Amino acid sequence: MRPLLALAALALSLGLGPPAAQAATPAPADRLDHALLWGRDIDQVSAVLAVKLGFQVRPGRNPGGVANRYVRLADQGYVELLGITRPDAELDPGMQADQASLHGGAGSRSFGLHSAALDQAQAGLKAKGLPVTPIFTAGANDPDGQGPGKPPRWRLFAFERPVLSSNVFLIDYAAPRSDPASVADDKVARQHPNGARELSAFWLLSGDAAADRARLETLGLAGAVPVKVPQVAAKGYCVAVGPNALLALEPDGPGIAADALREGGPQVLGVSLGVADLDTARRRVERGYEQSLPAYAGLSGQSFLAPTRADLGLLIEFHAASAAGPCGGAKG
């Protein structure tokens, strides 16, 4: 395969291949995977997601003093909740980087993109000169895996140095357990009282949206569309990642985005989620926060914004689930 790729690259460099050939190169990621959301502690962040917002929060593990729990969605996207449970917690380099920014507070500084062709994605990005790490895997004794001799439950690679304003990694998974009990458990885990069904966008906030757009292009994620998000006084670009979107945003005058950047630096400012019934979801969140929440026409259609930044260091936008593609409602 590699000699063929080398010949193709030579043909393009000599002008022998069609211009569309480069555009046909597959992106390294096929969809959004999950965001890492740190709470002030694991019970605090779990309570906000469950009680105030109406999600089902699933239990995880507590390896090395960092507990995790999950909000899993029907489209396979999810939010991983994290909390430190002891002073001598064992933090991997990504966790260390997150905590250096958060200083024990709540918020998100890292997210994952799914790649069904992880080895090719790593090789392609390395060939571009990007500082990819080796591929790491879940251990053979992973209590949630299928045991020794089976494929590892997950495989991922990250970057030795930041390549975006927020930390990014690419991840893939082995086929899930197929016994009836596991299939039933997984189906139930993705059903939420608030009707959440799909992970549609991550909002990346920095002081320079154009720089993040250029870095996304270097990662193979092109086709940026100019956008504005007046609800948080931000502007920037929407970049499709398969059926989902990354928003590369910067402040557009005084407002929530400017406040968040000043107080916390670059971050995952928000997550957009599609719900089955927007009015029902809004009523549930209004009861949780004891305030009225106006609807608006957002990038994903009719939406409302949950006032979660004080609790979570992260905004959650709910929108009506629809067949509209990523960046479909983008307006410059």
Protein backbone atom coordinates (compact mmCIF):
# COMPACT_ATOMS: atom_id res chain seq x y z
CA MET A 1 0.00 0.00 0.00
CA ARG A 2 2.77 2.47 0.87
CA PRO A 3 4.50 2.28 -2.57
CA LEU A 4 1.15 2.99 -4.23
CA LEU A 5 0.63 6.01 -2.00
CA ALA A 6 4.14 7.26 -2.82
CA LEU A 7 3.49 6.93 -6.55
CA ALA A 8 0.18 8.78 -6.18
CA ALA A 9 1.89 11.60 -4.31
CA LEU A 10 4.60 11.83 -6.99
CA ALA A 11 1.97 11.98 -9.74
CA LEU A 12 0.20 14.82 -7.98
CA SER A 13 3.44 16.72 -7.46
CA LEU A 14 4.14 16.47 -11.19
CA GLY A 15 0.65 17.62 -12.07
CA LEU A 16 -0.30 14.21 -13.51
CA GLY A 17 -3.26 13.57 -11.22
CA PRO A 18 -6.63 15.34 -11.23
CA PRO A 19 -7.01 18.26 -8.77
CA ALA A 20 -9.92 16.44 -7.13
CA ALA A 21 -7.63 13.63 -5.98
CA GLN A 22 -6.41 15.57 -2.97
CA ALA A 23 -9.96 16.48 -1.98
CA ALA A 24 -10.85 12.78 -2.06
CA THR A 25 -8.31 11.94 0.67
CA PRO A 26 -10.37 10.74 3.63
CA ALA A 27 -10.37 12.86 6.78
CA PRO A 28 -8.60 11.27 9.76
CA ALA A 29 -11.82 11.39 11.84
CA ASP A 30 -15.34 10.32 10.90
CA ARG A 31 -17.34 11.86 13.78
CA LEU A 32 -17.11 13.47 17.19
CA ASP A 33 -16.53 10.92 19.94
CA HIS A 34 -16.60 12.48 23.41
CA ALA A 35 -15.65 15.40 25.60
CA LEU A 36 -13.85 15.08 28.94
CA LEU A 37 -15.70 17.11 31.56
CA TRP A 38 -14.02 17.62 34.92
CA GLY A 39 -16.16 18.39 37.94
CA ARG A 40 -15.06 19.90 41.20
CA ASP A 41 -15.68 16.35 42.37
CA ILE A 42 -17.34 13.37 40.71
CA ASP A 43 -20.56 13.55 42.74
CA GLN A 44 -21.00 17.27 42.08
CA VAL A 45 -20.72 16.95 38.30
CA SER A 46 -22.92 13.83 38.28
CA ALA A 47 -25.63 15.56 40.29
CA VAL A 48 -25.74 18.55 37.95
CA LEU A 49 -26.08 16.32 34.88
CA ALA A 50 -28.71 14.10 36.47
CA VAL A 51 -30.78 16.37 38.71
CA LYS A 52 -30.63 19.76 36.98
CA LEU A 53 -30.34 18.60 33.37
CA GLY A 54 -32.17 15.27 33.28
CA PHE A 55 -29.49 12.93 31.97
CA GLN A 56 -28.95 9.33 32.96
CA VAL A 57 -25.41 9.17 34.41
CA ARG A 58 -23.83 5.74 34.19
CA PRO A 59 -21.19 4.46 36.62
CA GLY A 60 -17.57 4.08 35.60
CA ARG A 61 -14.41 3.18 37.51
CA ASN A 62 -11.95 4.85 39.89
CA PRO A 63 -8.47 3.83 38.73
CA GLY A 64 -5.61 5.66 40.41
CA GLY A 65 -7.82 8.15 42.21
CA VAL A 66 -9.60 9.60 39.14
CA ALA A 67 -13.24 8.51 39.03
CA ASN A 68 -15.22 8.57 35.81
CA ARG A 69 -18.89 8.32 34.86
CA TYR A 70 -20.67 8.58 31.53
CA VAL A 71 -23.52 10.24 29.68
CA ARG A 72 -23.92 8.00 26.63
CA LEU A 73 -26.04 8.93 23.62
CA ALA A 74 -27.85 6.85 21.03
CA ASP A 75 -25.53 8.01 18.20
CA GLN A 76 -22.50 6.59 20.10
CA GLY A 77 -21.23 10.02 21.20
CA TYR A 78 -20.86 10.69 24.91
CA VAL A 79 -19.59 12.95 27.65
CA GLU A 80 -17.13 11.45 30.13
CA LEU A 81 -17.35 12.94 33.63
CA LEU A 82 -14.15 13.03 35.69
CA GLY A 83 -13.34 13.84 39.29
CA ILE A 84 -10.26 13.48 41.48
CA THR A 85 -10.96 11.38 44.57
CA ARG A 86 -7.67 11.53 46.49
CA PRO A 87 -4.73 13.94 46.86
CA ASP A 88 -2.20 11.53 45.33
CA ALA A 89 -4.26 10.71 42.25
CA GLU A 90 -2.34 9.22 39.33
CA LEU A 91 -2.80 11.56 36.35
CA ASP A 92 -1.76 10.71 32.81
CA PRO A 93 -0.18 13.53 30.73
CA GLY A 94 -3.53 14.58 29.28
CA MET A 95 -5.11 14.79 32.73
CA GLN A 96 -2.12 16.75 33.99
CA ALA A 97 -2.53 19.27 31.17
CA ASP A 98 -6.25 19.64 31.90
CA GLN A 99 -5.67 20.16 35.61
CA ALA A 100 -2.89 22.69 34.99
CA SER A 101 -5.51 24.81 33.22
CA LEU A 102 -8.48 24.09 35.50
CA HIS A 103 -6.66 24.38 38.88
CA GLY A 104 -9.14 21.94 40.42
CA GLY A 105 -12.17 23.70 38.96
CA ALA A 106 -14.86 22.42 36.63
CA GLY A 107 -14.68 22.50 32.85
CA SER A 108 -13.48 20.80 29.68
CA ARG A 109 -10.10 21.18 28.01
CA SER A 110 -9.92 17.93 25.99
CA PHE A 111 -12.06 16.08 23.48
CA GLY A 112 -11.85 13.03 21.28
CA LEU A 113 -12.59 12.39 17.63
CA HIS A 114 -13.54 8.93 16.42
CA SER A 115 -11.50 7.30 13.68
CA ALA A 116 -12.49 3.93 12.24
CA ALA A 117 -9.06 3.82 10.53
CA LEU A 118 -6.87 4.76 13.46
CA ASP A 119 -3.55 3.37 12.17
CA GLN A 120 -3.94 5.12 8.82
CA ALA A 121 -4.94 8.36 10.54
CA GLN A 122 -1.87 8.26 12.78
CA ALA A 123 0.43 7.48 9.85
CA GLY A 124 -1.09 10.21 7.70
CA LEU A 125 -0.77 12.88 10.38
CA LYS A 126 2.77 11.78 11.20
CA ALA A 127 3.66 12.10 7.50
CA LYS A 128 2.50 15.72 7.70
CA GLY A 129 5.04 16.32 10.46
CA LEU A 130 2.49 16.48 13.27
CA PRO A 131 3.74 15.32 16.69
CA VAL A 132 1.58 12.21 17.10
CA THR A 133 2.08 9.86 20.03
CA PRO A 134 2.24 6.08 19.75
CA ILE A 135 -1.09 4.30 19.81
CA PHE A 136 -2.12 3.45 23.36
CA THR A 137 -4.54 0.63 24.17
CA ALA A 138 -6.70 -0.53 27.03
CA GLY A 139 -5.02 -3.23 29.10
CA ALA A 140 -5.69 -6.92 28.66
CA ASN A 141 -7.09 -6.96 32.20
CA ASP A 142 -9.45 -4.03 31.53
CA PRO A 143 -12.49 -4.88 33.70
CA ASP A 144 -14.82 -3.54 31.01
CA GLY A 145 -13.10 -5.37 28.16
CA GLN A 146 -13.60 -8.88 26.85
CA GLY A 147 -10.52 -10.38 28.44
CA PRO A 148 -7.07 -11.60 27.36
CA GLY A 149 -6.80 -12.73 23.75
CA LYS A 150 -9.53 -10.34 22.63
CA PRO A 151 -9.02 -6.95 20.91
CA PRO A 152 -8.46 -4.09 23.40
CA ARG A 153 -11.64 -2.22 24.27
CA TRP A 154 -10.16 1.06 22.99
CA ARG A 155 -7.12 2.33 21.09
CA LEU A 156 -6.09 6.00 20.82
CA PHE A 157 -3.34 8.41 19.99
CA ALA A 158 -2.85 12.04 20.96
CA PHE A 159 -0.19 14.68 20.25
CA GLU A 160 3.10 15.37 22.02
CA ARG A 161 2.48 19.10 21.64
CA PRO A 162 -0.82 20.99 21.31
CA VAL A 163 -2.12 21.13 17.75
CA LEU A 164 -5.35 23.00 18.63
CA SER A 165 -6.30 25.48 21.33
CA SER A 166 -7.91 22.57 23.25
CA ASN A 167 -6.34 19.13 23.58
CA VAL A 168 -7.51 16.57 21.01
CA PHE A 169 -7.02 12.83 20.61
CA LEU A 170 -8.28 10.24 18.12
CA ILE A 171 -9.86 7.01 19.34
CA ASP A 172 -11.41 3.78 18.10
CA TYR A 173 -13.12 0.87 19.83
CA ALA A 174 -13.37 -2.88 19.53
CA ALA A 175 -16.75 -4.35 18.69
CA PRO A 176 -18.93 -4.29 21.81
CA ARG A 177 -20.10 -7.38 23.62
CA SER A 178 -22.90 -9.07 21.72
CA ASP A 179 -24.53 -11.23 24.39
CA PRO A 180 -28.20 -10.32 25.01
CA ALA A 181 -27.63 -8.90 28.50
CA SER A 182 -24.84 -6.56 27.32
CA VAL A 183 -26.86 -5.41 24.29
CA ALA A 184 -29.86 -4.65 26.53
CA ASP A 185 -27.69 -2.82 29.07
CA ASP A 186 -26.13 -0.68 26.35
CA LYS A 187 -29.53 0.24 24.89
CA VAL A 188 -30.87 1.27 28.29
CA ALA A 189 -27.71 3.29 29.04
CA ARG A 190 -28.44 5.58 26.07
CA GLN A 191 -31.98 6.54 27.08
CA HIS A 192 -32.35 9.85 28.96
CA PRO A 193 -35.28 11.43 30.80
CA ASN A 194 -34.59 14.71 28.96
CA GLY A 195 -34.80 12.96 25.57
CA ALA A 196 -31.16 13.56 24.56
CA ARG A 197 -30.24 11.48 21.50
CA GLU A 198 -27.24 12.85 19.67
CA LEU A 199 -23.95 14.66 20.10
CA SER A 200 -23.85 17.28 17.36
CA ALA A 201 -21.10 19.84 18.11
CA PHE A 202 -18.20 20.89 20.32
CA TRP A 203 -17.53 24.61 20.75
CA LEU A 204 -13.78 25.32 20.88
CA LEU A 205 -13.05 28.75 22.32
CA SER A 206 -9.73 30.56 21.86
CA GLY A 207 -8.45 34.06 21.21
CA ASP A 208 -7.90 33.29 17.51
CA ALA A 209 -10.57 31.28 15.70
CA ALA A 210 -8.77 31.62 12.36
CA ALA A 211 -5.70 29.92 13.83
CA ASP A 212 -7.80 26.97 15.03
CA ARG A 213 -9.47 26.78 11.61
CA ALA A 214 -6.03 26.58 9.95
CA ARG A 215 -4.91 23.91 12.41
CA LEU A 216 -8.05 21.88 11.72
CA GLU A 217 -7.23 22.05 8.01
CA THR A 218 -3.74 20.72 8.80
CA LEU A 219 -5.45 17.85 10.63
CA GLY A 220 -7.42 17.11 7.47
CA LEU A 221 -10.66 18.76 8.60
CA ALA A 222 -11.41 21.42 6.00
CA GLY A 223 -14.45 23.18 4.57
CA ALA A 224 -14.88 25.80 7.31
CA VAL A 225 -18.01 27.96 7.16
CA PRO A 226 -18.11 31.38 8.92
CA VAL A 227 -20.55 31.46 11.85
CA LYS A 228 -21.72 33.67 14.67
CA VAL A 229 -23.13 32.52 18.00
CA PRO A 230 -24.76 35.67 19.41
CA GLN A 231 -26.05 33.82 22.49
CA VAL A 232 -22.48 33.81 23.84
CA ALA A 233 -21.14 36.78 21.79
CA ALA A 234 -18.79 34.66 19.70
CA LYS A 235 -17.83 34.33 16.05
CA GLY A 236 -15.66 31.97 14.07
CA TYR A 237 -16.03 28.89 11.92
CA CYS A 238 -18.01 25.66 11.70
CA VAL A 239 -16.08 22.62 10.43
CA ALA A 240 -17.92 19.40 9.62
CA VAL A 241 -16.59 16.15 11.11
CA GLY A 242 -18.70 13.47 9.47
CA PRO A 243 -22.29 14.08 10.65
CA ASN A 244 -21.11 16.41 13.43
CA ALA A 245 -19.39 19.78 13.74
CA LEU A 246 -16.54 21.53 15.48
CA LEU A 247 -17.04 25.24 16.12
CA ALA A 248 -13.80 27.22 16.27
CA LEU A 249 -14.86 30.38 18.11
CA GLU A 250 -13.43 33.60 19.52
CA PRO A 251 -15.15 36.41 21.46
CA ASP A 252 -17.20 38.87 19.43
CA GLY A 253 -17.33 41.75 21.91
CA PRO A 254 -18.28 41.59 25.60
CA GLY A 255 -20.26 38.57 26.73
CA ILE A 256 -20.06 34.96 27.85
CA ALA A 257 -17.25 33.97 25.47
CA ALA A 258 -15.04 36.90 26.47
CA ASP A 259 -15.67 36.21 30.16
CA ALA A 260 -14.90 32.51 29.77
CA LEU A 261 -11.68 33.15 27.85
CA ARG A 262 -10.50 35.76 30.34
CA GLU A 263 -11.25 33.52 33.33
CA GLY A 264 -10.17 30.15 31.95
CA GLY A 265 -8.18 30.53 28.74
CA PRO A 266 -8.76 28.30 25.71
CA GLN A 267 -11.37 25.64 26.40
CA VAL A 268 -14.26 23.54 25.18
CA LEU A 269 -16.86 26.22 25.88
CA GLY A 270 -19.93 24.21 24.91
CA VAL A 271 -21.49 21.01 23.69
CA SER A 272 -24.56 20.81 21.43
CA LEU A 273 -26.97 17.91 21.87
CA GLY A 274 -30.03 16.92 19.85
CA VAL A 275 -33.16 15.95 21.80
CA ALA A 276 -36.38 14.16 20.85
CA ASP A 277 -38.69 16.90 22.17
CA LEU A 278 -37.21 20.36 22.69
CA ASP A 279 -40.12 21.72 24.77
CA THR A 280 -39.97 18.79 27.18
CA ALA A 281 -36.20 19.11 27.55
CA ARG A 282 -36.47 22.86 28.12
CA ARG A 283 -39.15 22.46 30.78
CA ARG A 284 -37.02 19.91 32.62
CA VAL A 285 -33.95 22.17 32.59
CA GLU A 286 -36.03 25.22 33.59
CA ARG A 287 -37.23 23.30 36.64
CA GLY A 288 -33.66 22.28 37.43
CA TYR A 289 -32.40 25.86 37.29
CA GLU A 290 -35.60 27.58 38.42
CA GLN A 291 -35.54 30.08 35.60
CA SER A 292 -37.03 30.65 32.15
CA LEU A 293 -34.81 29.75 29.20
CA PRO A 294 -35.62 31.39 25.84
CA ALA A 295 -35.51 29.39 22.62
CA TYR A 296 -33.59 30.70 19.62
CA ALA A 297 -32.74 29.72 16.05
CA GLY A 298 -29.23 28.29 16.38
CA LEU A 299 -26.80 26.64 14.01
CA SER A 300 -28.55 23.30 14.60
CA GLY A 301 -32.07 24.71 14.37
CA GLN A 302 -34.42 25.61 17.21
CA SER A 303 -32.39 25.53 20.42
CA PHE A 304 -32.00 26.68 24.00
CA LEU A 305 -28.92 27.14 26.17
CA ALA A 306 -28.71 25.62 29.64
CA PRO A 307 -27.04 28.03 32.12
CA THR A 308 -24.44 25.49 33.21
CA ARG A 309 -21.19 27.43 33.06
CA ALA A 310 -21.12 28.21 36.79
CA ASP A 311 -21.79 24.55 37.67
CA LEU A 312 -19.83 22.76 34.96
CA GLY A 313 -17.47 25.32 33.42
CA LEU A 314 -19.19 24.27 30.20
CA LEU A 315 -22.36 25.31 28.36
CA ILE A 316 -24.83 22.73 27.07
CA GLU A 317 -26.99 23.65 24.11
CA PHE A 318 -30.07 21.54 23.46
CA HIS A 319 -31.62 21.56 20.00
CA ALA A 320 -34.39 19.73 18.23
CA ALA A 321 -33.03 16.60 16.60
CA SER A 322 -33.25 16.88 12.83
CA ALA A 323 -31.84 15.51 9.59
CA ALA A 324 -30.03 18.77 8.83
CA GLY A 325 -26.32 18.28 8.17
CA PRO A 326 -23.49 19.80 10.20
CA CYS A 327 -23.13 23.57 9.82
CA GLY A 328 -26.50 23.54 8.01
CA GLY A 329 -27.70 26.68 9.77
CA ALA A 330 -24.40 28.52 9.54
CA LYS A 331 -24.55 32.23 8.80
CA GLY A 332 -21.54 34.45 8.37
